[in-house]
Amino acid sequence: MKLSTRTRYGVRMMTLLALRRGDGPVLLRQVAERESISEKYLSQIVLPLRSAAMLRSVRGAHGGYILARAPHEITLREIIEVLEGGLGIADAEKSPSETATGMAIRGMWQELTDQIGELLAAITLEDIVSRIRESGERGDGEGVEARHVDEIGKAEELAVEAGHSLAGPPAEAPAEGDA
């Protein structure tokens, strides 16, 4: 499955808005400059995301875009489905002359699509933001601002309380005989 430039840029924009949550609306021009993406191209990406109630525009002198929901409520699956038009890795349409082999392969593609969808549904914008903050980067080669460092601890506490780990699965111990 190869994601389009539109989707990759959309995820980058949504991640930046999640990083800047609480700072007020962000202008598309700011996103364009920070992510080195054409402002005109971003203006086409925001339309379906607004229609899907993931983004909200704020008018006025201090206007711009903000997330319409909390970062932990927006998944990669949602963003990709909106910007790609679905997740399918192969045409799911059954043809009238489909053979047993074709039906088996179509079923396999559907199972794979379902598994990819489950994985993407488990990754939220908050998860991506946490990874960025844990790396000590803002995504532009500069260190994380001090107030964001404090938020990492808060996010980790909330995740632990909810029974989740933001750090990913624990590293496996080497098997006996491995050195």
Foldseek 3Di string as FASTA:
>chain_A
DDADPLLVLLLQLLLLLLLCPPVAADALVNSCVQVVHDSVSVVVSVVLCVVVQQKDWDDDPRIHIHGSDHQVVAFSLVSRCSRVVHQQPDDLDDDPPDDPVRVVVSVVSVVVSVVVSVVRRNHTSVLVNLVCQVVQHPPRPHGDDPVVVVVNVVVQVVQVVVVHGSVDDDDDDDDPPDD
